[in-house]
Amino acid sequence: GGNYNETNRFRKYMGNGERLMLLENNQPDHLLKANHRYRICIEVKDGVSTFFVDGVKFFEYADPAPILSGYFGFRSTWSYHVIDDLVVYSFD
């Protein structure tokens, strides 16, 4: 829902300020809807990141150079959101 809800992007943040744009989908069914509660699922396994919204796969990316350690975060610009029921699983 970035750029006044005109874009939906999947990025890789390198940790040094560099933001690589991996995938983008600007179709209306991939943009934010007002007053809608979303269920987000992100799966990362064997270098493949898959992003689901309400059970629908929005993005999938096979990273040739996956980041194997570090942090994750939530980015928002000019928006209001609540994150609840956050669960993080690690399967090593």
N, C-alpha and C. Protein backbone atom coordinates (compact mmCIF):
# COMPACT_ATOMS: atom_id res chain seq x y z
N GLY A 1 0.80 -1.20 0.00
CA GLY A 1 0.00 0.00 0.00
C GLY A 1 0.83 1.25 0.00
N GLY A 2 2.05 1.21 -0.55
CA GLY A 2 2.88 2.40 -0.55
C GLY A 2 2.49 3.38 -1.64
N ASN A 3 3.14 4.54 -1.62
CA ASN A 3 2.90 5.59 -2.62
C ASN A 3 1.42 5.91 -2.74
N TYR A 4 0.82 6.27 -1.61
CA TYR A 4 -0.61 6.59 -1.55
C TYR A 4 -1.48 5.42 -1.99
N ASN A 5 -1.04 4.22 -1.63
CA ASN A 5 -1.73 2.97 -1.93
C ASN A 5 -1.83 2.70 -3.44
N GLU A 6 -0.76 3.04 -4.14
CA GLU A 6 -0.69 2.76 -5.57
C GLU A 6 0.26 1.62 -5.90
N THR A 7 1.06 1.19 -4.92
CA THR A 7 2.03 0.12 -5.18
C THR A 7 2.05 -0.88 -4.04
N ASN A 8 2.37 -2.11 -4.37
CA ASN A 8 2.60 -3.17 -3.39
C ASN A 8 3.93 -3.79 -3.79
N ARG A 9 4.93 -3.62 -2.93
CA ARG A 9 6.29 -4.03 -3.29
C ARG A 9 6.87 -5.02 -2.29
N PHE A 10 7.73 -5.87 -2.80
CA PHE A 10 8.46 -6.84 -1.99
C PHE A 10 9.93 -6.47 -2.12
N ARG A 11 10.54 -6.09 -0.99
CA ARG A 11 11.92 -5.60 -1.03
C ARG A 11 12.83 -6.46 -0.15
N LYS A 12 14.11 -6.35 -0.43
CA LYS A 12 15.14 -6.95 0.41
C LYS A 12 15.96 -5.79 0.96
N TYR A 13 16.00 -5.69 2.28
CA TYR A 13 16.78 -4.65 2.95
C TYR A 13 18.13 -5.26 3.32
N MET A 14 19.19 -4.67 2.81
CA MET A 14 20.52 -5.24 2.93
C MET A 14 21.19 -4.96 4.28
N GLY A 15 20.64 -4.07 5.09
CA GLY A 15 21.23 -3.75 6.39
C GLY A 15 22.20 -2.60 6.34
N ASN A 16 22.46 -2.06 5.17
CA ASN A 16 23.37 -0.93 5.02
C ASN A 16 22.66 0.28 4.42
N GLY A 17 21.33 0.25 4.44
CA GLY A 17 20.54 1.33 3.84
C GLY A 17 20.06 1.03 2.43
N GLU A 18 20.65 0.02 1.81
CA GLU A 18 20.25 -0.36 0.45
C GLU A 18 18.95 -1.16 0.50
N ARG A 19 18.01 -0.79 -0.37
CA ARG A 19 16.72 -1.48 -0.46
C ARG A 19 16.55 -1.99 -1.89
N LEU A 20 16.62 -3.28 -2.06
CA LEU A 20 16.47 -3.86 -3.39
C LEU A 20 15.00 -4.16 -3.66
N MET A 21 14.47 -3.64 -4.76
CA MET A 21 13.11 -3.97 -5.15
C MET A 21 13.14 -5.30 -5.87
N LEU A 22 12.47 -6.30 -5.30
CA LEU A 22 12.47 -7.64 -5.87
C LEU A 22 11.27 -7.87 -6.78
N LEU A 23 10.09 -7.52 -6.29
CA LEU A 23 8.84 -7.76 -7.03
C LEU A 23 7.87 -6.63 -6.74
N GLU A 24 6.95 -6.39 -7.66
CA GLU A 24 5.94 -5.36 -7.49
C GLU A 24 4.66 -5.80 -8.17
N ASN A 25 3.53 -5.50 -7.54
CA ASN A 25 2.22 -5.77 -8.15
C ASN A 25 1.30 -4.62 -7.79
N ASN A 26 0.83 -3.90 -8.79
CA ASN A 26 -0.01 -2.72 -8.56
C ASN A 26 -1.47 -2.96 -8.92
N GLN A 27 -1.87 -4.22 -9.05
CA GLN A 27 -3.26 -4.52 -9.37
C GLN A 27 -4.14 -4.19 -8.17
N PRO A 28 -5.37 -3.72 -8.39
CA PRO A 28 -6.24 -3.32 -7.27
C PRO A 28 -6.43 -4.39 -6.20
N ASP A 29 -6.45 -5.68 -6.58
CA ASP A 29 -6.65 -6.73 -5.58
C ASP A 29 -5.41 -6.95 -4.71
N HIS A 30 -4.29 -6.28 -5.02
CA HIS A 30 -3.07 -6.36 -4.22
C HIS A 30 -2.81 -5.09 -3.41
N LEU A 31 -3.75 -4.15 -3.41
CA LEU A 31 -3.59 -2.92 -2.65
C LEU A 31 -4.45 -2.96 -1.39
N LEU A 32 -4.13 -2.09 -0.44
CA LEU A 32 -4.82 -2.09 0.85
C LEU A 32 -6.28 -1.66 0.72
N LYS A 33 -7.11 -2.26 1.54
CA LYS A 33 -8.53 -1.90 1.62
C LYS A 33 -8.77 -1.30 3.00
N ALA A 34 -9.50 -0.21 3.05
CA ALA A 34 -9.78 0.47 4.32
C ALA A 34 -10.55 -0.44 5.27
N ASN A 35 -10.20 -0.37 6.55
CA ASN A 35 -10.91 -1.08 7.61
C ASN A 35 -10.96 -2.59 7.40
N HIS A 36 -9.96 -3.15 6.80
CA HIS A 36 -9.87 -4.59 6.57
C HIS A 36 -8.79 -5.16 7.48
N ARG A 37 -9.08 -6.22 8.17
CA ARG A 37 -8.10 -6.89 9.01
C ARG A 37 -7.43 -7.98 8.17
N TYR A 38 -6.13 -7.88 8.01
CA TYR A 38 -5.38 -8.80 7.18
C TYR A 38 -4.71 -9.88 8.00
N ARG A 39 -4.62 -11.07 7.43
CA ARG A 39 -3.83 -12.15 8.01
C ARG A 39 -2.64 -12.35 7.08
N ILE A 40 -1.46 -12.07 7.61
CA ILE A 40 -0.23 -12.14 6.83
C ILE A 40 0.57 -13.36 7.26
N CYS A 41 1.08 -14.10 6.31
CA CYS A 41 1.96 -15.23 6.58
C CYS A 41 3.18 -15.10 5.68
N ILE A 42 4.35 -15.11 6.30
CA ILE A 42 5.60 -15.06 5.55
C ILE A 42 6.37 -16.33 5.86
N GLU A 43 6.70 -17.07 4.82
CA GLU A 43 7.47 -18.30 4.98
C GLU A 43 8.84 -18.10 4.32
N VAL A 44 9.87 -18.47 5.04
CA VAL A 44 11.23 -18.41 4.51
C VAL A 44 11.87 -19.77 4.72
N LYS A 45 12.20 -20.43 3.62
CA LYS A 45 12.78 -21.77 3.72
C LYS A 45 13.70 -22.00 2.53
N ASP A 46 14.90 -22.45 2.83
CA ASP A 46 15.87 -22.80 1.78
C ASP A 46 16.07 -21.67 0.77
N GLY A 47 16.11 -20.43 1.26
CA GLY A 47 16.35 -19.28 0.39
C GLY A 47 15.14 -18.80 -0.38
N VAL A 48 13.97 -19.40 -0.14
CA VAL A 48 12.75 -18.98 -0.83
C VAL A 48 11.84 -18.28 0.19
N SER A 49 11.48 -17.03 -0.12
CA SER A 49 10.56 -16.27 0.72
C SER A 49 9.21 -16.20 0.02
N THR A 50 8.16 -16.55 0.74
CA THR A 50 6.80 -16.53 0.20
C THR A 50 5.95 -15.68 1.12
N PHE A 51 5.18 -14.78 0.54
CA PHE A 51 4.36 -13.81 1.28
C PHE A 51 2.90 -14.03 0.93
N PHE A 52 2.09 -14.38 1.93
CA PHE A 52 0.66 -14.63 1.75
C PHE A 52 -0.16 -13.54 2.44
N VAL A 53 -1.25 -13.13 1.82
CA VAL A 53 -2.20 -12.19 2.41
C VAL A 53 -3.56 -12.86 2.38
N ASP A 54 -4.15 -13.06 3.54
CA ASP A 54 -5.46 -13.72 3.65
C ASP A 54 -5.49 -15.04 2.88
N GLY A 55 -4.39 -15.78 2.96
CA GLY A 55 -4.31 -17.10 2.33
C GLY A 55 -3.97 -17.10 0.86
N VAL A 56 -3.78 -15.93 0.26
CA VAL A 56 -3.45 -15.82 -1.16
C VAL A 56 -1.98 -15.46 -1.31
N LYS A 57 -1.26 -16.21 -2.14
CA LYS A 57 0.15 -15.91 -2.36
C LYS A 57 0.29 -14.63 -3.17
N PHE A 58 0.92 -13.62 -2.57
CA PHE A 58 1.16 -12.37 -3.27
C PHE A 58 2.52 -12.37 -3.94
N PHE A 59 3.54 -12.88 -3.24
CA PHE A 59 4.90 -12.85 -3.77
C PHE A 59 5.63 -14.13 -3.39
N GLU A 60 6.53 -14.55 -4.26
CA GLU A 60 7.46 -15.62 -3.94
C GLU A 60 8.78 -15.27 -4.61
N TYR A 61 9.87 -15.41 -3.86
CA TYR A 61 11.18 -15.03 -4.38
C TYR A 61 12.23 -16.02 -3.92
N ALA A 62 12.94 -16.61 -4.88
CA ALA A 62 14.07 -17.50 -4.58
C ALA A 62 15.33 -16.64 -4.60
N ASP A 63 15.89 -16.40 -3.43
CA ASP A 63 17.02 -15.50 -3.27
C ASP A 63 18.32 -16.25 -3.56
N PRO A 64 19.10 -15.80 -4.55
CA PRO A 64 20.36 -16.47 -4.84
C PRO A 64 21.43 -16.23 -3.77
N ALA A 65 21.21 -15.21 -2.92
CA ALA A 65 22.15 -14.89 -1.84
C ALA A 65 21.35 -14.56 -0.58
N PRO A 66 20.70 -15.57 0.03
CA PRO A 66 19.83 -15.29 1.19
C PRO A 66 20.63 -14.78 2.39
N ILE A 67 19.98 -13.91 3.15
CA ILE A 67 20.56 -13.43 4.41
C ILE A 67 20.26 -14.48 5.46
N LEU A 68 21.28 -14.99 6.11
CA LEU A 68 21.10 -16.12 7.02
C LEU A 68 20.98 -15.73 8.48
N SER A 69 21.21 -14.47 8.81
CA SER A 69 21.04 -14.02 10.19
C SER A 69 20.75 -12.53 10.18
N GLY A 70 20.26 -12.04 11.31
CA GLY A 70 19.97 -10.62 11.41
C GLY A 70 18.63 -10.37 12.07
N TYR A 71 17.97 -9.32 11.65
CA TYR A 71 16.73 -8.87 12.26
C TYR A 71 15.64 -8.76 11.20
N PHE A 72 14.40 -8.66 11.66
CA PHE A 72 13.32 -8.32 10.74
C PHE A 72 12.56 -7.16 11.35
N GLY A 73 11.82 -6.45 10.53
CA GLY A 73 11.09 -5.30 11.04
C GLY A 73 9.85 -5.05 10.22
N PHE A 74 9.08 -4.09 10.68
CA PHE A 74 7.86 -3.68 10.00
C PHE A 74 8.03 -2.23 9.57
N ARG A 75 7.78 -1.94 8.33
CA ARG A 75 7.95 -0.59 7.80
C ARG A 75 6.59 -0.02 7.48
N SER A 76 6.38 1.20 7.92
CA SER A 76 5.13 1.88 7.57
C SER A 76 5.45 3.35 7.30
N THR A 77 4.74 3.92 6.37
CA THR A 77 4.90 5.32 6.03
C THR A 77 3.50 5.91 5.90
N TRP A 78 3.23 6.94 6.68
CA TRP A 78 1.94 7.62 6.63
C TRP A 78 0.78 6.65 6.76
N SER A 79 0.90 5.71 7.68
CA SER A 79 -0.18 4.74 7.85
C SER A 79 -0.36 4.44 9.34
N TYR A 80 -1.45 3.82 9.63
CA TYR A 80 -1.77 3.39 10.99
C TYR A 80 -2.08 1.91 10.92
N HIS A 81 -1.42 1.13 11.74
CA HIS A 81 -1.75 -0.29 11.79
C HIS A 81 -1.47 -0.84 13.17
N VAL A 82 -2.11 -1.95 13.46
CA VAL A 82 -1.93 -2.66 14.72
C VAL A 82 -1.46 -4.07 14.36
N ILE A 83 -0.44 -4.53 15.05
CA ILE A 83 0.06 -5.89 14.84
C ILE A 83 -0.28 -6.68 16.10
N ASP A 84 -1.05 -7.75 15.92
CA ASP A 84 -1.37 -8.59 17.08
C ASP A 84 -1.23 -10.06 16.69
N ASP A 85 -1.17 -10.89 17.69
CA ASP A 85 -1.03 -12.34 17.48
C ASP A 85 0.19 -12.69 16.62
N LEU A 86 1.30 -11.96 16.83
CA LEU A 86 2.52 -12.23 16.09
C LEU A 86 3.16 -13.51 16.61
N VAL A 87 3.46 -14.41 15.69
CA VAL A 87 4.11 -15.68 16.03
C VAL A 87 5.29 -15.85 15.08
N VAL A 88 6.45 -16.20 15.62
CA VAL A 88 7.62 -16.47 14.81
C VAL A 88 8.08 -17.89 15.12
N TYR A 89 8.20 -18.70 14.08
CA TYR A 89 8.66 -20.07 14.23
C TYR A 89 10.03 -20.22 13.57
N SER A 90 10.87 -21.04 14.14
CA SER A 90 12.15 -21.37 13.53
C SER A 90 12.25 -22.88 13.45
N PHE A 91 12.46 -23.38 12.24
CA PHE A 91 12.59 -24.82 12.03
C PHE A 91 13.98 -25.09 11.50
N ASP A 92 14.88 -25.44 12.39
CA ASP A 92 16.27 -25.71 11.98
C ASP A 92 16.52 -27.18 11.82
